[in-house]
C-alpha atoms as a PDB file:
ATOM      1  CA  UNK A   1     -62.309 -32.603  31.365  1.00  0.00           C
ATOM      2  CA  UNK A   2     -60.153 -29.770  30.073  1.00  0.00           C
ATOM      3  CA  UNK A   3     -57.818 -27.241  31.702  1.00  0.00           C
ATOM      4  CA  UNK A   4     -58.477 -23.525  31.311  1.00  0.00           C
ATOM      5  CA  UNK A   5     -55.417 -21.559  30.209  1.00  0.00           C
ATOM      6  CA  UNK A   6     -56.495 -18.546  32.288  1.00  0.00           C
ATOM      7  CA  UNK A   7     -57.717 -19.831  35.661  1.00  0.00           C
ATOM      8  CA  UNK A   8     -55.783 -23.125  35.292  1.00  0.00           C
ATOM      9  CA  UNK A   9     -58.739 -25.147  36.602  1.00  0.00           C
ATOM     10  CA  UNK A  10     -59.671 -28.569  35.275  1.00  0.00           C
ATOM     11  CA  UNK A  11     -63.284 -28.225  34.217  1.00  0.00           C
ATOM     12  CA  UNK A  12     -65.932 -30.299  32.414  1.00  0.00           C
ATOM     13  CA  UNK A  13     -66.068 -29.881  28.639  1.00  0.00           C
ATOM     14  CA  UNK A  14     -69.384 -28.055  29.040  1.00  0.00           C
ATOM     15  CA  UNK A  15     -67.558 -25.181  30.756  1.00  0.00           C
ATOM     16  CA  UNK A  16     -66.018 -24.242  27.401  1.00  0.00           C
ATOM     17  CA  UNK A  17     -67.619 -23.008  24.213  1.00  0.00           C
ATOM     18  CA  UNK A  18     -67.269 -25.167  21.119  1.00  0.00           C
ATOM     19  CA  UNK A  19     -64.733 -22.707  19.722  1.00  0.00           C
ATOM     20  CA  UNK A  20     -62.643 -22.752  22.911  1.00  0.00           C
ATOM     21  CA  UNK A  21     -62.693 -26.553  23.123  1.00  0.00           C
ATOM     22  CA  UNK A  22     -60.907 -26.711  19.774  1.00  0.00           C
ATOM     23  CA  UNK A  23     -58.000 -24.607  21.057  1.00  0.00           C
ATOM     24  CA  UNK A  24     -54.887 -25.999  22.720  1.00  0.00           C
ATOM     25  CA  UNK A  25     -54.710 -25.758  26.499  1.00  0.00           C
ATOM     26  CA  UNK A  26     -52.501 -22.669  26.711  1.00  0.00           C
ATOM     27  CA  UNK A  27     -54.951 -20.647  24.574  1.00  0.00           C
ATOM     28  CA  UNK A  28     -58.226 -22.106  25.895  1.00  0.00           C
ATOM     29  CA  UNK A  29     -60.477 -20.140  28.293  1.00  0.00           C
ATOM     30  CA  UNK A  30     -63.577 -21.315  30.089  1.00  0.00           C
ATOM     31  CA  UNK A  31     -66.801 -19.347  29.600  1.00  0.00           C
ATOM     32  CA  UNK A  32     -66.402 -17.740  33.032  1.00  0.00           C
ATOM     33  CA  UNK A  33     -62.932 -16.410  32.174  1.00  0.00           C
ATOM     34  CA  UNK A  34     -64.086 -15.235  28.745  1.00  0.00           C
ATOM     35  CA  UNK A  35     -66.993 -13.350  30.307  1.00  0.00           C
ATOM     36  CA  UNK A  36     -64.774 -11.728  32.938  1.00  0.00           C
ATOM     37  CA  UNK A  37     -61.990 -10.946  30.460  1.00  0.00           C
ATOM     38  CA  UNK A  38     -59.442 -12.912  32.467  1.00  0.00           C
ATOM     39  CA  UNK A  39     -56.118 -13.027  30.680  1.00  0.00           C
ATOM     40  CA  UNK A  40     -54.333 -16.207  29.659  1.00  0.00           C
ATOM     41  CA  UNK A  41     -51.417 -17.253  31.866  1.00  0.00           C
ATOM     42  CA  UNK A  42     -49.288 -17.291  28.716  1.00  0.00           C
ATOM     43  CA  UNK A  43     -49.927 -13.571  28.263  1.00  0.00           C
ATOM     44  CA  UNK A  44     -49.449 -12.687  31.951  1.00  0.00           C
ATOM     45  CA  UNK A  45     -46.072 -14.360  32.450  1.00  0.00           C
ATOM     46  CA  UNK A  46     -42.832 -13.354  30.796  1.00  0.00           C
ATOM     47  CA  UNK A  47     -43.652  -9.665  30.373  1.00  0.00           C
ATOM     48  CA  UNK A  48     -40.287  -8.725  31.888  1.00  0.00           C
ATOM     49  CA  UNK A  49     -36.817 -10.162  31.477  1.00  0.00           C
ATOM     50  CA  UNK A  50     -35.317 -12.045  34.412  1.00  0.00           C
ATOM     51  CA  UNK A  51     -32.174 -11.057  36.303  1.00  0.00           C
ATOM     52  CA  UNK A  52     -30.295 -13.910  34.645  1.00  0.00           C
ATOM     53  CA  UNK A  53     -30.542 -11.872  31.429  1.00  0.00           C
ATOM     54  CA  UNK A  54     -28.410  -9.119  32.996  1.00  0.00           C
ATOM     55  CA  UNK A  55     -24.678  -8.756  32.403  1.00  0.00           C
ATOM     56  CA  UNK A  56     -23.126  -9.856  35.736  1.00  0.00           C
ATOM     57  CA  UNK A  57     -20.708  -6.922  35.703  1.00  0.00           C
ATOM     58  CA  UNK A  58     -22.634  -3.797  34.670  1.00  0.00           C
ATOM     59  CA  UNK A  59     -25.999  -5.273  35.740  1.00  0.00           C
ATOM     60  CA  UNK A  60     -27.702  -3.981  32.594  1.00  0.00           C
ATOM     61  CA  UNK A  61     -29.957  -6.252  30.512  1.00  0.00           C
ATOM     62  CA  UNK A  62     -27.883  -8.040  27.877  1.00  0.00           C
ATOM     63  CA  UNK A  63     -28.451  -6.931  24.263  1.00  0.00           C
ATOM     64  CA  UNK A  64     -30.917  -9.138  22.402  1.00  0.00           C
ATOM     65  CA  UNK A  65     -28.364  -9.448  19.599  1.00  0.00           C
ATOM     66  CA  UNK A  66     -26.186 -12.334  20.812  1.00  0.00           C
ATOM     67  CA  UNK A  67     -23.261 -10.969  18.796  1.00  0.00           C
ATOM     68  CA  UNK A  68     -22.973  -8.106  21.305  1.00  0.00           C
ATOM     69  CA  UNK A  69     -22.118 -10.359  24.259  1.00  0.00           C
ATOM     70  CA  UNK A  70     -19.855 -13.366  24.774  1.00  0.00           C
ATOM     71  CA  UNK A  71     -20.287 -16.620  26.684  1.00  0.00           C
ATOM     72  CA  UNK A  72     -17.343 -17.308  28.998  1.00  0.00           C
ATOM     73  CA  UNK A  73     -16.718 -21.034  29.389  1.00  0.00           C
ATOM     74  CA  UNK A  74     -14.531 -20.481  32.458  1.00  0.00           C
ATOM     75  CA  UNK A  75     -17.527 -19.402  34.551  1.00  0.00           C
ATOM     76  CA  UNK A  76     -20.419 -20.278  32.200  1.00  0.00           C
ATOM     77  CA  UNK A  77     -21.453 -16.632  32.190  1.00  0.00           C
ATOM     78  CA  UNK A  78     -22.459 -14.288  29.379  1.00  0.00           C
ATOM     79  CA  UNK A  79     -20.775 -10.870  29.528  1.00  0.00           C
ATOM     80  CA  UNK A  80     -21.623  -7.867  27.361  1.00  0.00           C
ATOM     81  CA  UNK A  81     -19.033  -6.552  24.912  1.00  0.00           C
ATOM     82  CA  UNK A  82     -19.093  -3.196  26.706  1.00  0.00           C
ATOM     83  CA  UNK A  83     -17.694  -4.750  29.880  1.00  0.00           C
ATOM     84  CA  UNK A  84     -15.161  -6.768  27.874  1.00  0.00           C
ATOM     85  CA  UNK A  85     -13.990  -3.534  26.227  1.00  0.00           C
ATOM     86  CA  UNK A  86     -13.800  -1.748  29.595  1.00  0.00           C
ATOM     87  CA  UNK A  87     -11.672  -4.593  30.959  1.00  0.00           C
ATOM     88  CA  UNK A  88      -9.348  -4.466  27.947  1.00  0.00           C
ATOM     89  CA  UNK A  89      -8.890  -0.735  28.467  1.00  0.00           C
ATOM     90  CA  UNK A  90      -7.640  -1.527  31.973  1.00  0.00           C
ATOM     91  CA  UNK A  91      -5.111  -3.951  30.526  1.00  0.00           C
ATOM     92  CA  UNK A  92      -7.050  -7.109  31.448  1.00  0.00           C
ATOM     93  CA  UNK A  93      -6.852 -10.054  29.077  1.00  0.00           C
ATOM     94  CA  UNK A  94      -8.469 -12.467  31.519  1.00  0.00           C
ATOM     95  CA  UNK A  95     -12.187 -13.103  31.968  1.00  0.00           C
ATOM     96  CA  UNK A  96     -13.635  -9.763  33.119  1.00  0.00           C
ATOM     97  CA  UNK A  97     -16.017 -11.564  35.481  1.00  0.00           C
ATOM     98  CA  UNK A  98     -14.184 -14.445  37.183  1.00  0.00           C
ATOM     99  CA  UNK A  99     -10.645 -13.242  36.317  1.00  0.00           C
ATOM    100  CA  UNK A 100      -9.660 -16.684  35.012  1.00  0.00           C
ATOM    101  CA  UNK A 101      -6.969 -16.637  32.292  1.00  0.00           C
ATOM    102  CA  UNK A 102      -8.293 -16.912  28.769  1.00  0.00           C
ATOM    103  CA  UNK A 103      -8.305 -20.650  27.980  1.00  0.00           C
ATOM    104  CA  UNK A 104      -6.438 -22.048  25.004  1.00  0.00           C
ATOM    105  CA  UNK A 105      -8.601 -23.671  22.323  1.00  0.00           C
ATOM    106  CA  UNK A 106      -7.320 -27.076  23.426  1.00  0.00           C
ATOM    107  CA  UNK A 107      -8.500 -26.368  26.998  1.00  0.00           C
ATOM    108  CA  UNK A 108     -11.953 -25.084  26.112  1.00  0.00           C
ATOM    109  CA  UNK A 109     -13.508 -28.454  25.253  1.00  0.00           C
ATOM    110  CA  UNK A 110     -12.258 -30.134  28.434  1.00  0.00           C
ATOM    111  CA  UNK A 111     -13.494 -27.200  30.548  1.00  0.00           C
ATOM    112  CA  UNK A 112     -16.967 -27.504  29.082  1.00  0.00           C
ATOM    113  CA  UNK A 113     -17.059 -31.290  29.397  1.00  0.00           C
ATOM    114  CA  UNK A 114     -16.090 -31.047  33.042  1.00  0.00           C
ATOM    115  CA  UNK A 115     -19.020 -28.714  33.721  1.00  0.00           C
ATOM    116  CA  UNK A 116     -21.367 -30.916  31.686  1.00  0.00           C
ATOM    117  CA  UNK A 117     -20.302 -33.988  33.691  1.00  0.00           C
ATOM    118  CA  UNK A 118     -21.020 -32.009  36.881  1.00  0.00           C
ATOM    119  CA  UNK A 119     -24.573 -31.379  35.672  1.00  0.00           C
ATOM    120  CA  UNK A 120     -24.238 -27.630  35.033  1.00  0.00           C
ATOM    121  CA  UNK A 121     -27.471 -26.715  33.130  1.00  0.00           C
ATOM    122  CA  UNK A 122     -25.896 -23.824  31.203  1.00  0.00           C
ATOM    123  CA  UNK A 123     -22.905 -25.930  30.206  1.00  0.00           C
ATOM    124  CA  UNK A 124     -25.228 -28.692  28.981  1.00  0.00           C
ATOM    125  CA  UNK A 125     -27.176 -26.202  26.863  1.00  0.00           C
ATOM    126  CA  UNK A 126     -23.975 -24.615  25.539  1.00  0.00           C
ATOM    127  CA  UNK A 127     -22.594 -28.013  24.604  1.00  0.00           C
ATOM    128  CA  UNK A 128     -25.814 -28.711  22.755  1.00  0.00           C
ATOM    129  CA  UNK A 129     -25.309 -25.541  20.718  1.00  0.00           C
ATOM    130  CA  UNK A 130     -21.828 -26.708  19.708  1.00  0.00           C
ATOM    131  CA  UNK A 131     -23.207 -30.016  18.451  1.00  0.00           C
ATOM    132  CA  UNK A 132     -25.988 -28.165  16.630  1.00  0.00           C
ATOM    133  CA  UNK A 133     -23.470 -25.864  14.897  1.00  0.00           C
ATOM    134  CA  UNK A 134     -20.557 -28.272  14.582  1.00  0.00           C
ATOM    135  CA  UNK A 135     -18.291 -25.783  16.373  1.00  0.00           C
ATOM    136  CA  UNK A 136     -15.168 -26.167  18.520  1.00  0.00           C
ATOM    137  CA  UNK A 137     -14.004 -29.086  16.424  1.00  0.00           C
ATOM    138  CA  UNK A 138     -17.147 -31.152  16.997  1.00  0.00           C
ATOM    139  CA  UNK A 139     -18.875 -32.937  14.150  1.00  0.00           C
ATOM    140  CA  UNK A 140     -22.364 -31.559  13.643  1.00  0.00           C
ATOM    141  CA  UNK A 141     -24.827 -33.871  15.379  1.00  0.00           C
ATOM    142  CA  UNK A 142     -28.351 -32.467  15.741  1.00  0.00           C
ATOM    143  CA  UNK A 143     -29.624 -35.609  17.459  1.00  0.00           C
ATOM    144  CA  UNK A 144     -26.995 -35.188  20.189  1.00  0.00           C
ATOM    145  CA  UNK A 145     -27.815 -31.469  20.376  1.00  0.00           C
ATOM    146  CA  UNK A 146     -31.502 -32.252  20.934  1.00  0.00           C
ATOM    147  CA  UNK A 147     -30.588 -34.730  23.651  1.00  0.00           C
ATOM    148  CA  UNK A 148     -28.523 -32.109  25.474  1.00  0.00           C
ATOM    149  CA  UNK A 149     -31.111 -29.372  24.961  1.00  0.00           C
ATOM    150  CA  UNK A 150     -33.840 -31.600  26.384  1.00  0.00           C
ATOM    151  CA  UNK A 151     -31.678 -32.341  29.402  1.00  0.00           C
ATOM    152  CA  UNK A 152     -30.984 -28.631  29.942  1.00  0.00           C
ATOM    153  CA  UNK A 153     -34.669 -27.786  29.421  1.00  0.00           C
ATOM    154  CA  UNK A 154     -35.630 -30.232  32.151  1.00  0.00           C
ATOM    155  CA  UNK A 155     -33.213 -28.345  34.406  1.00  0.00           C
ATOM    156  CA  UNK A 156     -34.978 -25.048  33.660  1.00  0.00           C
ATOM    157  CA  UNK A 157     -32.810 -23.404  30.986  1.00  0.00           C
ATOM    158  CA  UNK A 158     -35.143 -21.267  28.886  1.00  0.00           C
ATOM    159  CA  UNK A 159     -32.577 -20.957  26.085  1.00  0.00           C
ATOM    160  CA  UNK A 160     -32.717 -24.742  25.698  1.00  0.00           C
ATOM    161  CA  UNK A 161     -36.500 -24.581  25.273  1.00  0.00           C
ATOM    162  CA  UNK A 162     -36.073 -21.837  22.670  1.00  0.00           C
ATOM    163  CA  UNK A 163     -33.428 -23.822  20.763  1.00  0.00           C
ATOM    164  CA  UNK A 164     -35.655 -26.902  20.760  1.00  0.00           C
ATOM    165  CA  UNK A 165     -38.502 -24.754  19.469  1.00  0.00           C
ATOM    166  CA  UNK A 166     -36.371 -23.513  16.578  1.00  0.00           C
ATOM    167  CA  UNK A 167     -35.198 -27.011  15.609  1.00  0.00           C
ATOM    168  CA  UNK A 168     -38.707 -28.487  15.653  1.00  0.00           C
ATOM    169  CA  UNK A 169     -40.222 -25.488  13.859  1.00  0.00           C
ATOM    170  CA  UNK A 170     -37.715 -25.724  11.014  1.00  0.00           C
ATOM    171  CA  UNK A 171     -37.389 -29.496  10.988  1.00  0.00           C
ATOM    172  CA  UNK A 172     -33.608 -29.125  11.262  1.00  0.00           C
ATOM    173  CA  UNK A 173     -32.216 -32.583  11.865  1.00  0.00           C
ATOM    174  CA  UNK A 174     -35.507 -33.614  13.475  1.00  0.00           C
ATOM    175  CA  UNK A 175     -39.022 -34.200  12.243  1.00  0.00           C
ATOM    176  CA  UNK A 176     -40.823 -30.908  11.729  1.00  0.00           C
ATOM    177  CA  UNK A 177     -43.365 -30.523  14.522  1.00  0.00           C
ATOM    178  CA  UNK A 178     -44.918 -27.067  14.895  1.00  0.00           C
ATOM    179  CA  UNK A 179     -46.996 -28.147  17.895  1.00  0.00           C
ATOM    180  CA  UNK A 180     -43.896 -29.304  19.769  1.00  0.00           C
ATOM    181  CA  UNK A 181     -42.060 -26.133  18.736  1.00  0.00           C
ATOM    182  CA  UNK A 182     -44.947 -24.064  20.060  1.00  0.00           C
ATOM    183  CA  UNK A 183     -44.858 -25.811  23.448  1.00  0.00           C
ATOM    184  CA  UNK A 184     -41.149 -25.094  23.845  1.00  0.00           C
ATOM    185  CA  UNK A 185     -41.599 -21.481  22.718  1.00  0.00           C
ATOM    186  CA  UNK A 186     -44.378 -21.071  25.273  1.00  0.00           C
ATOM    187  CA  UNK A 187     -42.226 -22.283  28.179  1.00  0.00           C
ATOM    188  CA  UNK A 188     -39.365 -20.022  27.124  1.00  0.00           C
ATOM    189  CA  UNK A 189     -41.640 -17.015  26.571  1.00  0.00           C
ATOM    190  CA  UNK A 190     -43.255 -17.351  29.993  1.00  0.00           C
ATOM    191  CA  UNK A 191     -39.725 -17.212  31.447  1.00  0.00           C
ATOM    192  CA  UNK A 192     -39.107 -13.904  29.663  1.00  0.00           C
ATOM    193  CA  UNK A 193     -37.317 -15.155  26.528  1.00  0.00           C
ATOM    194  CA  UNK A 194     -37.886 -12.336  24.046  1.00  0.00           C
ATOM    195  CA  UNK A 195     -37.108 -14.189  20.805  1.00  0.00           C
ATOM    196  CA  UNK A 196     -39.399 -17.061  21.813  1.00  0.00           C
ATOM    197  CA  UNK A 197     -42.198 -14.551  22.439  1.00  0.00           C
ATOM    198  CA  UNK A 198     -41.642 -13.001  19.011  1.00  0.00           C
ATOM    199  CA  UNK A 199     -41.701 -16.433  17.379  1.00  0.00           C
ATOM    200  CA  UNK A 200     -45.008 -17.238  19.076  1.00  0.00           C
ATOM    201  CA  UNK A 201     -46.397 -14.148  17.400  1.00  0.00           C
ATOM    202  CA  UNK A 202     -45.095 -15.361  14.038  1.00  0.00           C
ATOM    203  CA  UNK A 203     -46.664 -18.809  14.484  1.00  0.00           C
ATOM    204  CA  UNK A 204     -50.020 -17.251  15.408  1.00  0.00           C
ATOM    205  CA  UNK A 205     -49.794 -14.861  12.465  1.00  0.00           C
ATOM    206  CA  UNK A 206     -49.148 -17.722  10.051  1.00  0.00           C
ATOM    207  CA  UNK A 207     -52.170 -19.519  11.516  1.00  0.00           C
ATOM    208  CA  UNK A 208     -54.337 -16.461  10.902  1.00  0.00           C
ATOM    209  CA  UNK A 209     -54.720 -15.667  14.612  1.00  0.00           C
ATOM    210  CA  UNK A 210     -53.912 -11.980  14.255  1.00  0.00           C
ATOM    211  CA  UNK A 211     -55.196 -10.884  17.670  1.00  0.00           C
ATOM    212  CA  UNK A 212     -52.961 -13.403  19.435  1.00  0.00           C
ATOM    213  CA  UNK A 213     -50.026 -12.480  17.191  1.00  0.00           C
ATOM    214  CA  UNK A 214     -50.474  -8.846  18.158  1.00  0.00           C
ATOM    215  CA  UNK A 215     -50.539  -9.670  21.876  1.00  0.00           C
ATOM    216  CA  UNK A 216     -47.263 -11.582  21.598  1.00  0.00           C
ATOM    217  CA  UNK A 217     -45.571  -8.906  19.496  1.00  0.00           C
ATOM    218  CA  UNK A 218     -46.714  -6.157  21.861  1.00  0.00           C
ATOM    219  CA  UNK A 219     -44.948  -7.963  24.702  1.00  0.00           C
ATOM    220  CA  UNK A 220     -41.719  -8.648  22.786  1.00  0.00           C
ATOM    221  CA  UNK A 221     -41.650  -5.132  21.311  1.00  0.00           C
ATOM    222  CA  UNK A 222     -41.839  -3.650  24.803  1.00  0.00           C
ATOM    223  CA  UNK A 223     -38.894  -5.879  25.753  1.00  0.00           C
ATOM    224  CA  UNK A 224     -36.801  -4.327  22.997  1.00  0.00           C
ATOM    225  CA  UNK A 225     -37.364  -6.566  19.959  1.00  0.00           C
ATOM    226  CA  UNK A 226     -37.108  -4.420  16.826  1.00  0.00           C
ATOM    227  CA  UNK A 227     -38.906  -6.731  14.384  1.00  0.00           C
ATOM    228  CA  UNK A 228     -41.829  -7.139  16.776  1.00  0.00           C
ATOM    229  CA  UNK A 229     -42.163  -3.358  16.850  1.00  0.00           C
ATOM    230  CA  UNK A 230     -42.114  -3.248  13.047  1.00  0.00           C
ATOM    231  CA  UNK A 231     -44.853  -5.874  12.917  1.00  0.00           C
ATOM    232  CA  UNK A 232     -47.036  -3.895  15.336  1.00  0.00           C
ATOM    233  CA  UNK A 233     -46.488  -0.832  13.143  1.00  0.00           C
ATOM    234  CA  UNK A 234     -47.575  -2.754  10.037  1.00  0.00           C
ATOM    235  CA  UNK A 235     -50.639  -4.008  11.925  1.00  0.00           C
ATOM    236  CA  UNK A 236     -51.524  -0.439  12.902  1.00  0.00           C
ATOM    237  CA  UNK A 237     -51.270   0.633   9.252  1.00  0.00           C
ATOM    238  CA  UNK A 238     -53.537  -2.185   8.068  1.00  0.00           C
ATOM    239  CA  UNK A 239     -56.175  -1.849  10.777  1.00  0.00           C
ATOM    240  CA  UNK A 240     -55.198  -4.969  12.733  1.00  0.00           C
ATOM    241  CA  UNK A 241     -53.909  -2.798  15.592  1.00  0.00           C
ATOM    242  CA  UNK A 242     -54.704   0.698  16.786  1.00  0.00           C
ATOM    243  CA  UNK A 243     -52.446   3.718  16.768  1.00  0.00           C
ATOM    244  CA  UNK A 244     -52.535   3.517  20.565  1.00  0.00           C
ATOM    245  CA  UNK A 245     -51.186  -0.048  20.366  1.00  0.00           C
ATOM    246  CA  UNK A 246     -48.267   1.094  18.253  1.00  0.00           C
ATOM    247  CA  UNK A 247     -47.603   4.099  20.481  1.00  0.00           C
ATOM    248  CA  UNK A 248     -47.499   1.859  23.570  1.00  0.00           C
ATOM    249  CA  UNK A 249     -45.215  -0.642  21.813  1.00  0.00           C
ATOM    250  CA  UNK A 250     -42.902   2.156  20.676  1.00  0.00           C
ATOM    251  CA  UNK A 251     -42.627   3.647  24.179  1.00  0.00           C
ATOM    252  CA  UNK A 252     -41.857   0.251  25.639  1.00  0.00           C
ATOM    253  CA  UNK A 253     -39.304  -0.484  22.935  1.00  0.00           C
ATOM    254  CA  UNK A 254     -37.524   2.824  23.486  1.00  0.00           C
ATOM    255  CA  UNK A 255     -37.386   2.262  27.242  1.00  0.00           C
ATOM    256  CA  UNK A 256     -35.997  -1.259  26.772  1.00  0.00           C
ATOM    257  CA  UNK A 257     -33.413  -0.044  24.251  1.00  0.00           C
ATOM    258  CA  UNK A 258     -32.293   2.656  26.677  1.00  0.00           C
ATOM    259  CA  UNK A 259     -31.933   0.101  29.492  1.00  0.00           C
ATOM    260  CA  UNK A 260     -29.734  -2.079  27.285  1.00  0.00           C
ATOM    261  CA  UNK A 261     -27.427   0.752  26.191  1.00  0.00           C
ATOM    262  CA  UNK A 262     -24.317   2.297  27.724  1.00  0.00           C
ATOM    263  CA  UNK A 263     -21.343   4.298  26.410  1.00  0.00           C
ATOM    264  CA  UNK A 264     -19.082   1.231  26.647  1.00  0.00           C
ATOM    265  CA  UNK A 265     -21.578  -0.910  24.737  1.00  0.00           C
ATOM    266  CA  UNK A 266     -22.010   1.733  22.046  1.00  0.00           C
ATOM    267  CA  UNK A 267     -18.237   1.978  21.608  1.00  0.00           C
ATOM    268  CA  UNK A 268     -17.848  -1.802  21.549  1.00  0.00           C
ATOM    269  CA  UNK A 269     -20.545  -2.119  18.897  1.00  0.00           C
ATOM    270  CA  UNK A 270     -18.850   0.480  16.684  1.00  0.00           C
ATOM    271  CA  UNK A 271     -15.448  -1.213  17.059  1.00  0.00           C
ATOM    272  CA  UNK A 272     -16.553  -4.820  16.628  1.00  0.00           C
ATOM    273  CA  UNK A 273     -15.449  -7.661  18.897  1.00  0.00           C
ATOM    274  CA  UNK A 274     -12.544  -8.770  16.700  1.00  0.00           C
ATOM    275  CA  UNK A 275     -11.030  -5.276  16.947  1.00  0.00           C
ATOM    276  CA  UNK A 276     -11.512  -5.237  20.726  1.00  0.00           C
ATOM    277  CA  UNK A 277      -9.567  -8.490  21.028  1.00  0.00           C
ATOM    278  CA  UNK A 278      -6.479  -7.195  19.199  1.00  0.00           C
ATOM    279  CA  UNK A 279      -6.410  -3.599  20.437  1.00  0.00           C
ATOM    280  CA  UNK A 280      -3.595  -2.523  22.733  1.00  0.00           C
ATOM    281  CA  UNK A 281      -4.408   0.027  25.468  1.00  0.00           C
END
């Protein structure tokens, strides 16, 4: 018995072609779904970003470049640099979202630990990132990072799934396991994680599955991922994608980029976050 990745039914092996039986569950389709052209669940979910990817202040989708937003440990919330700049212009040095005073470095660790002990999924994931990077005075400990990421992933944090995918794909501090990385990327991508979707395309490309790579990159390009768009363009130039594919990816990319932009964000990007922090208004 095998599960179809399109209709999600558990079916006898005879319901699948020999080629489909060799595929992993998420990519496998029964003969009925192949004949009807039914799309894989993996390709149907995660085609839009979730509301949790929005800046809580301006309500615009956060930039995909993590350097253009900051994680606030006081409220475990990520705020775009544009809103941080706008708050600084109004003379605010506190958190622009929860209004808590900016914590001292000595307070930051205890604030995070308190949220981790309370079972806050985002705090658990964030703490894992600190162990992975060896930041905030912590000694780098990838094993501890994986433990925290797995805990956060079980609680539904898509970023934790993505981080686990990256560690297993690279073999950073853990045994390299592309299959395990792929499973984590899939979960994250179906929740709308753009970088995970792009990475799925890269894994499929490296495996020679160009059609699947294109499908993933089309989705991530339309969500605003620049390198996915470039890959679709290269495919269109080499005959692996059509001009219509590239045109659709470009339109989607431009729409996503427009949704993520604002005058405050553009100004913040040109200034740089370090300059924003020291400027007097």
